[in-house]
Amino acid sequence: MTIRAKFKLAEVTTRLSMKQNPHTQVWDSIPLNSYKFYVVTGDNEENKKFFASTPSGTIELGIPNPDVKFENGKEYFVDFVEAK
């Protein structure tokens, strides 16, 4: 079964994180983009339906890949599918 939720990106931060180099075993500082999403609120008909099913919740992702970008204030669908 797949459950679809709708989230809005509300916070974007960048901080330094540590990653171990597998070849040298040395820990390096790397920038980590953190994205915090909240469930959508009922500001339009589609969002009202999602809000009625999921009135609260957050997702926070820390992504070190600079090519991955989400835009603050935009809405995104998230599909939850059981991993087998």
PDB file of N, CA and C in Angstrom:
ATOM      1  N   MET A   1       0.842  -1.175   0.000  1.00  0.00           N
ATOM      2  CA  MET A   1       0.000   0.000   0.000  1.00  0.00           C
ATOM      3  C   MET A   1       0.893   1.246   0.000  1.00  0.00           C
ATOM      4  N   THR A   2       0.479   2.244  -0.746  1.00  0.00           N
ATOM      5  CA  THR A   2       1.180   3.518  -0.785  1.00  0.00           C
ATOM      6  C   THR A   2       0.319   4.572  -0.105  1.00  0.00           C
ATOM      7  N   ILE A   3       0.931   5.345   0.750  1.00  0.00           N
ATOM      8  CA  ILE A   3       0.248   6.467   1.394  1.00  0.00           C
ATOM      9  C   ILE A   3       0.927   7.741   0.916  1.00  0.00           C
ATOM     10  N   ARG A   4       0.145   8.634   0.358  1.00  0.00           N
ATOM     11  CA  ARG A   4       0.687   9.899  -0.151  1.00  0.00           C
ATOM     12  C   ARG A   4       0.360  11.013   0.833  1.00  0.00           C
ATOM     13  N   ALA A   5       1.375  11.795   1.148  1.00  0.00           N
ATOM     14  CA  ALA A   5       1.213  12.964   2.013  1.00  0.00           C
ATOM     15  C   ALA A   5       1.723  14.182   1.259  1.00  0.00           C
ATOM     16  N   LYS A   6       1.369  15.344   1.746  1.00  0.00           N
ATOM     17  CA  LYS A   6       1.800  16.580   1.096  1.00  0.00           C
ATOM     18  C   LYS A   6       2.417  17.478   2.153  1.00  0.00           C
ATOM     19  N   PHE A   7       3.648  17.907   1.889  1.00  0.00           N
ATOM     20  CA  PHE A   7       4.414  18.713   2.831  1.00  0.00           C
ATOM     21  C   PHE A   7       4.880  20.003   2.169  1.00  0.00           C
ATOM     22  N   LYS A   8       5.103  21.004   2.995  1.00  0.00           N
ATOM     23  CA  LYS A   8       5.613  22.293   2.525  1.00  0.00           C
ATOM     24  C   LYS A   8       6.961  22.535   3.185  1.00  0.00           C
ATOM     25  N   LEU A   9       7.937  22.942   2.377  1.00  0.00           N
ATOM     26  CA  LEU A   9       9.264  23.238   2.912  1.00  0.00           C
ATOM     27  C   LEU A   9       9.212  24.578   3.634  1.00  0.00           C
ATOM     28  N   ALA A  10       9.568  24.551   4.923  1.00  0.00           N
ATOM     29  CA  ALA A  10       9.457  25.756   5.745  1.00  0.00           C
ATOM     30  C   ALA A  10      10.796  26.287   6.224  1.00  0.00           C
ATOM     31  N   GLU A  11      11.822  25.439   6.278  1.00  0.00           N
ATOM     32  CA  GLU A  11      13.126  25.878   6.781  1.00  0.00           C
ATOM     33  C   GLU A  11      14.241  25.233   5.974  1.00  0.00           C
ATOM     34  N   VAL A  12      15.221  26.040   5.586  1.00  0.00           N
ATOM     35  CA  VAL A  12      16.422  25.541   4.925  1.00  0.00           C
ATOM     36  C   VAL A  12      17.614  26.106   5.678  1.00  0.00           C
ATOM     37  N   THR A  13      18.495  25.226   6.128  1.00  0.00           N
ATOM     38  CA  THR A  13      19.707  25.666   6.813  1.00  0.00           C
ATOM     39  C   THR A  13      20.894  24.888   6.260  1.00  0.00           C
ATOM     40  N   THR A  14      22.052  25.489   6.359  1.00  0.00           N
ATOM     41  CA  THR A  14      23.294  24.825   5.969  1.00  0.00           C
ATOM     42  C   THR A  14      24.230  24.863   7.158  1.00  0.00           C
ATOM     43  N   ARG A  15      24.811  23.714   7.449  1.00  0.00           N
ATOM     44  CA  ARG A  15      25.767  23.626   8.550  1.00  0.00           C
ATOM     45  C   ARG A  15      26.882  22.693   8.137  1.00  0.00           C
ATOM     46  N   LEU A  16      27.936  22.682   8.921  1.00  0.00           N
ATOM     47  CA  LEU A  16      29.027  21.760   8.648  1.00  0.00           C
ATOM     48  C   LEU A  16      28.760  20.428   9.335  1.00  0.00           C
ATOM     49  N   SER A  17      29.088  19.366   8.638  1.00  0.00           N
ATOM     50  CA  SER A  17      28.969  18.022   9.184  1.00  0.00           C
ATOM     51  C   SER A  17      30.298  17.318   8.955  1.00  0.00           C
ATOM     52  N   MET A  18      30.426  16.130   9.503  1.00  0.00           N
ATOM     53  CA  MET A  18      31.669  15.375   9.349  1.00  0.00           C
ATOM     54  C   MET A  18      31.396  14.111   8.541  1.00  0.00           C
ATOM     55  N   LYS A  19      32.354  13.786   7.653  1.00  0.00           N
ATOM     56  CA  LYS A  19      32.260  12.576   6.855  1.00  0.00           C
ATOM     57  C   LYS A  19      33.632  11.944   6.819  1.00  0.00           C
ATOM     58  N   GLN A  20      33.678  10.633   7.056  1.00  0.00           N
ATOM     59  CA  GLN A  20      34.963   9.949   7.054  1.00  0.00           C
ATOM     60  C   GLN A  20      35.333   9.540   5.636  1.00  0.00           C
ATOM     61  N   ASN A  21      36.541   9.911   5.239  1.00  0.00           N
ATOM     62  CA  ASN A  21      37.062   9.522   3.930  1.00  0.00           C
ATOM     63  C   ASN A  21      37.381   8.029   3.991  1.00  0.00           C
ATOM     64  N   PRO A  22      36.757   7.208   3.132  1.00  0.00           N
ATOM     65  CA  PRO A  22      36.978   5.760   3.222  1.00  0.00           C
ATOM     66  C   PRO A  22      38.392   5.319   2.856  1.00  0.00           C
ATOM     67  N   HIS A  23      39.121   6.166   2.133  1.00  0.00           N
ATOM     68  CA  HIS A  23      40.476   5.792   1.707  1.00  0.00           C
ATOM     69  C   HIS A  23      41.522   6.157   2.745  1.00  0.00           C
ATOM     70  N   THR A  24      41.340   7.317   3.377  1.00  0.00           N
ATOM     71  CA  THR A  24      42.358   7.783   4.330  1.00  0.00           C
ATOM     72  C   THR A  24      41.929   7.632   5.776  1.00  0.00           C
ATOM     73  N   GLN A  25      40.648   7.335   6.014  1.00  0.00           N
ATOM     74  CA  GLN A  25      40.067   7.234   7.356  1.00  0.00           C
ATOM     75  C   GLN A  25      40.099   8.568   8.106  1.00  0.00           C
ATOM     76  N   VAL A  26      40.380   9.656   7.407  1.00  0.00           N
ATOM     77  CA  VAL A  26      40.393  10.994   7.996  1.00  0.00           C
ATOM     78  C   VAL A  26      38.978  11.569   7.914  1.00  0.00           C
ATOM     79  N   TRP A  27      38.576  12.270   8.971  1.00  0.00           N
ATOM     80  CA  TRP A  27      37.260  12.914   8.991  1.00  0.00           C
ATOM     81  C   TRP A  27      37.376  14.295   8.359  1.00  0.00           C
ATOM     82  N   ASP A  28      36.521  14.573   7.398  1.00  0.00           N
ATOM     83  CA  ASP A  28      36.510  15.856   6.694  1.00  0.00           C
ATOM     84  C   ASP A  28      35.234  16.611   7.034  1.00  0.00           C
ATOM     85  N   SER A  29      35.325  17.945   7.060  1.00  0.00           N
ATOM     86  CA  SER A  29      34.142  18.789   7.211  1.00  0.00           C
ATOM     87  C   SER A  29      33.481  18.947   5.847  1.00  0.00           C
ATOM     88  N   ILE A  30      32.167  18.768   5.812  1.00  0.00           N
ATOM     89  CA  ILE A  30      31.422  18.955   4.570  1.00  0.00           C
ATOM     90  C   ILE A  30      30.162  19.764   4.870  1.00  0.00           C
ATOM     91  N   PRO A  31      29.722  20.596   3.925  1.00  0.00           N
ATOM     92  CA  PRO A  31      28.463  21.315   4.137  1.00  0.00           C
ATOM     93  C   PRO A  31      27.286  20.347   4.028  1.00  0.00           C
ATOM     94  N   LEU A  32      26.319  20.537   4.900  1.00  0.00           N
ATOM     95  CA  LEU A  32      25.131  19.705   4.918  1.00  0.00           C
ATOM     96  C   LEU A  32      23.912  20.613   4.872  1.00  0.00           C
ATOM     97  N   ASN A  33      23.117  20.481   3.815  1.00  0.00           N
ATOM     98  CA  ASN A  33      21.877  21.246   3.714  1.00  0.00           C
ATOM     99  C   ASN A  33      20.784  20.500   4.460  1.00  0.00           C
ATOM    100  N   SER A  34      20.096  21.203   5.343  1.00  0.00           N
ATOM    101  CA  SER A  34      19.019  20.612   6.126  1.00  0.00           C
ATOM    102  C   SER A  34      17.704  21.230   5.676  1.00  0.00           C
ATOM    103  N   TYR A  35      16.743  20.367   5.354  1.00  0.00           N
ATOM    104  CA  TYR A  35      15.442  20.801   4.869  1.00  0.00           C
ATOM    105  C   TYR A  35      14.374  20.320   5.844  1.00  0.00           C
ATOM    106  N   LYS A  36      13.549  21.246   6.350  1.00  0.00           N
ATOM    107  CA  LYS A  36      12.493  20.883   7.282  1.00  0.00           C
ATOM    108  C   LYS A  36      11.140  21.160   6.635  1.00  0.00           C
ATOM    109  N   PHE A  37      10.347  20.088   6.532  1.00  0.00           N
ATOM    110  CA  PHE A  37       9.034  20.136   5.893  1.00  0.00           C
ATOM    111  C   PHE A  37       7.947  19.961   6.941  1.00  0.00           C
ATOM    112  N   TYR A  38       6.843  20.660   6.760  1.00  0.00           N
ATOM    113  CA  TYR A  38       5.658  20.522   7.608  1.00  0.00           C
ATOM    114  C   TYR A  38       4.483  20.134   6.719  1.00  0.00           C
ATOM    115  N   VAL A  39       3.506  19.413   7.291  1.00  0.00           N
ATOM    116  CA  VAL A  39       2.318  19.067   6.495  1.00  0.00           C
ATOM    117  C   VAL A  39       1.638  20.359   6.029  1.00  0.00           C
ATOM    118  N   VAL A  40       0.972  20.263   4.886  1.00  0.00           N
ATOM    119  CA  VAL A  40       0.292  21.441   4.350  1.00  0.00           C
ATOM    120  C   VAL A  40      -0.914  21.780   5.220  1.00  0.00           C
ATOM    121  N   THR A  41      -1.293  23.035   5.180  1.00  0.00           N
ATOM    122  CA  THR A  41      -2.501  23.484   5.876  1.00  0.00           C
ATOM    123  C   THR A  41      -3.623  23.628   4.852  1.00  0.00           C
ATOM    124  N   GLY A  42      -4.813  23.893   5.307  1.00  0.00           N
ATOM    125  CA  GLY A  42      -5.980  23.935   4.432  1.00  0.00           C
ATOM    126  C   GLY A  42      -6.179  25.241   3.718  1.00  0.00           C
ATOM    127  N   ASP A  43      -5.193  25.701   2.966  1.00  0.00           N
ATOM    128  CA  ASP A  43      -5.336  26.985   2.280  1.00  0.00           C
ATOM    129  C   ASP A  43      -5.921  26.867   0.869  1.00  0.00           C
ATOM    130  N   ASN A  44      -6.141  25.626   0.383  1.00  0.00           N
ATOM    131  CA  ASN A  44      -6.871  25.410  -0.871  1.00  0.00           C
ATOM    132  C   ASN A  44      -7.566  24.050  -0.770  1.00  0.00           C
ATOM    133  N   GLU A  45      -8.399  23.717  -1.735  1.00  0.00           N
ATOM    134  CA  GLU A  45      -9.220  22.496  -1.633  1.00  0.00           C
ATOM    135  C   GLU A  45      -8.374  21.228  -1.536  1.00  0.00           C
ATOM    136  N   GLU A  46      -7.348  21.119  -2.376  1.00  0.00           N
ATOM    137  CA  GLU A  46      -6.492  19.929  -2.321  1.00  0.00           C
ATOM    138  C   GLU A  46      -5.805  19.817  -0.959  1.00  0.00           C
ATOM    139  N   ASN A  47      -5.270  20.925  -0.469  1.00  0.00           N
ATOM    140  CA  ASN A  47      -4.573  20.903   0.817  1.00  0.00           C
ATOM    141  C   ASN A  47      -5.519  20.618   1.975  1.00  0.00           C
ATOM    142  N   LYS A  48      -6.774  21.049   1.865  1.00  0.00           N
ATOM    143  CA  LYS A  48      -7.757  20.756   2.920  1.00  0.00           C
ATOM    144  C   LYS A  48      -7.947  19.248   3.065  1.00  0.00           C
ATOM    145  N   LYS A  49      -7.948  18.521   1.940  1.00  0.00           N
ATOM    146  CA  LYS A  49      -8.098  17.063   1.982  1.00  0.00           C
ATOM    147  C   LYS A  49      -6.894  16.414   2.656  1.00  0.00           C
ATOM    148  N   PHE A  50      -5.705  16.862   2.309  1.00  0.00           N
ATOM    149  CA  PHE A  50      -4.503  16.307   2.943  1.00  0.00           C
ATOM    150  C   PHE A  50      -4.460  16.661   4.425  1.00  0.00           C
ATOM    151  N   PHE A  51      -4.806  17.895   4.751  1.00  0.00           N
ATOM    152  CA  PHE A  51      -4.780  18.345   6.151  1.00  0.00           C
ATOM    153  C   PHE A  51      -5.772  17.560   7.005  1.00  0.00           C
ATOM    154  N   ALA A  52      -6.919  17.201   6.434  1.00  0.00           N
ATOM    155  CA  ALA A  52      -7.919  16.426   7.174  1.00  0.00           C
ATOM    156  C   ALA A  52      -7.393  15.034   7.527  1.00  0.00           C
ATOM    157  N   SER A  53      -6.554  14.464   6.662  1.00  0.00           N
ATOM    158  CA  SER A  53      -5.996  13.131   6.901  1.00  0.00           C
ATOM    159  C   SER A  53      -4.724  13.166   7.743  1.00  0.00           C
ATOM    160  N   THR A  54      -3.951  14.232   7.619  1.00  0.00           N
ATOM    161  CA  THR A  54      -2.672  14.346   8.330  1.00  0.00           C
ATOM    162  C   THR A  54      -2.543  15.766   8.872  1.00  0.00           C
ATOM    163  N   PRO A  55      -3.164  16.057  10.015  1.00  0.00           N
ATOM    164  CA  PRO A  55      -3.163  17.435  10.516  1.00  0.00           C
ATOM    165  C   PRO A  55      -1.855  17.893  11.166  1.00  0.00           C
ATOM    166  N   SER A  56      -0.920  16.966  11.395  1.00  0.00           N
ATOM    167  CA  SER A  56       0.353  17.402  11.951  1.00  0.00           C
ATOM    168  C   SER A  56       1.458  16.464  11.510  1.00  0.00           C
ATOM    169  N   GLY A  57       2.682  16.971  11.498  1.00  0.00           N
ATOM    170  CA  GLY A  57       3.827  16.142  11.143  1.00  0.00           C
ATOM    171  C   GLY A  57       4.946  16.967  10.553  1.00  0.00           C
ATOM    172  N   THR A  58       6.147  16.462  10.708  1.00  0.00           N
ATOM    173  CA  THR A  58       7.324  17.104  10.137  1.00  0.00           C
ATOM    174  C   THR A  58       8.243  16.040   9.549  1.00  0.00           C
ATOM    175  N   ILE A  59       9.017  16.438   8.571  1.00  0.00           N
ATOM    176  CA  ILE A  59      10.079  15.612   8.000  1.00  0.00           C
ATOM    177  C   ILE A  59      11.305  16.509   7.913  1.00  0.00           C
ATOM    178  N   GLU A  60      12.432  16.015   8.385  1.00  0.00           N
ATOM    179  CA  GLU A  60      13.676  16.778   8.268  1.00  0.00           C
ATOM    180  C   GLU A  60      14.714  15.909   7.581  1.00  0.00           C
ATOM    181  N   LEU A  61      15.296  16.443   6.513  1.00  0.00           N
ATOM    182  CA  LEU A  61      16.298  15.725   5.740  1.00  0.00           C
ATOM    183  C   LEU A  61      17.611  16.488   5.765  1.00  0.00           C
ATOM    184  N   GLY A  62      18.694  15.803   6.030  1.00  0.00           N
ATOM    185  CA  GLY A  62      20.033  16.379   5.915  1.00  0.00           C
ATOM    186  C   GLY A  62      20.680  15.791   4.683  1.00  0.00           C
ATOM    187  N   ILE A  63      20.969  16.623   3.698  1.00  0.00           N
ATOM    188  CA  ILE A  63      21.459  16.130   2.411  1.00  0.00           C
ATOM    189  C   ILE A  63      22.805  16.794   2.089  1.00  0.00           C
ATOM    190  N   PRO A  64      23.883  15.998   1.996  1.00  0.00           N
ATOM    191  CA  PRO A  64      25.187  16.580   1.710  1.00  0.00           C
ATOM    192  C   PRO A  64      25.427  16.865   0.226  1.00  0.00           C
ATOM    193  N   ASN A  65      24.607  16.334  -0.661  1.00  0.00           N
ATOM    194  CA  ASN A  65      24.788  16.523  -2.096  1.00  0.00           C
ATOM    195  C   ASN A  65      24.320  17.931  -2.491  1.00  0.00           C
ATOM    196  N   PRO A  66      25.234  18.807  -2.926  1.00  0.00           N
ATOM    197  CA  PRO A  66      24.842  20.188  -3.271  1.00  0.00           C
ATOM    198  C   PRO A  66      23.953  20.283  -4.510  1.00  0.00           C
ATOM    199  N   ASP A  67      23.887  19.203  -5.299  1.00  0.00           N
ATOM    200  CA  ASP A  67      23.042  19.215  -6.495  1.00  0.00           C
ATOM    201  C   ASP A  67      21.567  18.993  -6.163  1.00  0.00           C
ATOM    202  N   VAL A  68      21.280  18.490  -4.962  1.00  0.00           N
ATOM    203  CA  VAL A  68      19.895  18.288  -4.539  1.00  0.00           C
ATOM    204  C   VAL A  68      19.407  19.581  -3.897  1.00  0.00           C
ATOM    205  N   LYS A  69      18.359  20.143  -4.463  1.00  0.00           N
ATOM    206  CA  LYS A  69      17.847  21.406  -3.943  1.00  0.00           C
ATOM    207  C   LYS A  69      16.318  21.364  -3.898  1.00  0.00           C
ATOM    208  N   PHE A  70      15.784  21.837  -2.791  1.00  0.00           N
ATOM    209  CA  PHE A  70      14.351  22.057  -2.653  1.00  0.00           C
ATOM    210  C   PHE A  70      14.169  23.550  -2.455  1.00  0.00           C
ATOM    211  N   GLU A  71      13.047  24.084  -2.901  1.00  0.00           N
ATOM    212  CA  GLU A  71      12.802  25.517  -2.780  1.00  0.00           C
ATOM    213  C   GLU A  71      11.925  25.808  -1.575  1.00  0.00           C
ATOM    214  N   ASN A  72      12.417  26.715  -0.728  1.00  0.00           N
ATOM    215  CA  ASN A  72      11.688  27.114   0.466  1.00  0.00           C
ATOM    216  C   ASN A  72      10.318  27.662   0.079  1.00  0.00           C
ATOM    217  N   GLY A  73       9.274  27.228   0.801  1.00  0.00           N
ATOM    218  CA  GLY A  73       7.919  27.696   0.547  1.00  0.00           C
ATOM    219  C   GLY A  73       7.145  26.860  -0.459  1.00  0.00           C
ATOM    220  N   LYS A  74       7.822  25.958  -1.175  1.00  0.00           N
ATOM    221  CA  LYS A  74       7.126  25.118  -2.152  1.00  0.00           C
ATOM    222  C   LYS A  74       6.588  23.859  -1.478  1.00  0.00           C
ATOM    223  N   GLU A  75       5.570  23.277  -2.106  1.00  0.00           N
ATOM    224  CA  GLU A  75       4.932  22.076  -1.589  1.00  0.00           C
ATOM    225  C   GLU A  75       5.416  20.853  -2.367  1.00  0.00           C
ATOM    226  N   TYR A  76       5.520  19.719  -1.664  1.00  0.00           N
ATOM    227  CA  TYR A  76       6.020  18.486  -2.257  1.00  0.00           C
ATOM    228  C   TYR A  76       5.171  17.306  -1.794  1.00  0.00           C
ATOM    229  N   PHE A  77       4.944  16.360  -2.694  1.00  0.00           N
ATOM    230  CA  PHE A  77       4.292  15.112  -2.335  1.00  0.00           C
ATOM    231  C   PHE A  77       5.352  14.157  -1.799  1.00  0.00           C
ATOM    232  N   VAL A  78       4.969  13.377  -0.811  1.00  0.00           N
ATOM    233  CA  VAL A  78       5.830  12.343  -0.246  1.00  0.00           C
ATOM    234  C   VAL A  78       5.034  11.053  -0.253  1.00  0.00           C
ATOM    235  N   ASP A  79       5.571  10.031  -0.898  1.00  0.00           N
ATOM    236  CA  ASP A  79       4.913   8.726  -0.937  1.00  0.00           C
ATOM    237  C   ASP A  79       5.595   7.784   0.051  1.00  0.00           C
ATOM    238  N   PHE A  80       4.798   7.170   0.903  1.00  0.00           N
ATOM    239  CA  PHE A  80       5.296   6.192   1.850  1.00  0.00           C
ATOM    240  C   PHE A  80       4.936   4.814   1.313  1.00  0.00           C
ATOM    241  N   VAL A  81       5.953   4.036   1.002  1.00  0.00           N
ATOM    242  CA  VAL A  81       5.782   2.701   0.460  1.00  0.00           C
ATOM    243  C   VAL A  81       6.612   1.756   1.321  1.00  0.00           C
ATOM    244  N   GLU A  82       6.014   0.653   1.736  1.00  0.00           N
ATOM    245  CA  GLU A  82       6.726  -0.305   2.573  1.00  0.00           C
ATOM    246  C   GLU A  82       7.959  -0.846   1.840  1.00  0.00           C
ATOM    247  N   ALA A  83       9.087  -0.839   2.521  1.00  0.00           N
ATOM    248  CA  ALA A  83      10.317  -1.417   1.973  1.00  0.00           C
ATOM    249  C   ALA A  83      10.315  -2.912   2.278  1.00  0.00           C
ATOM    250  N   LYS A  84      10.507  -3.701   1.273  1.00  0.00           N
ATOM    251  CA  LYS A  84      10.488  -5.165   1.467  1.00  0.00           C
ATOM    252  C   LYS A  84      11.830  -5.760   1.160  1.00  0.00           C
TER     253      LYS A  84
END
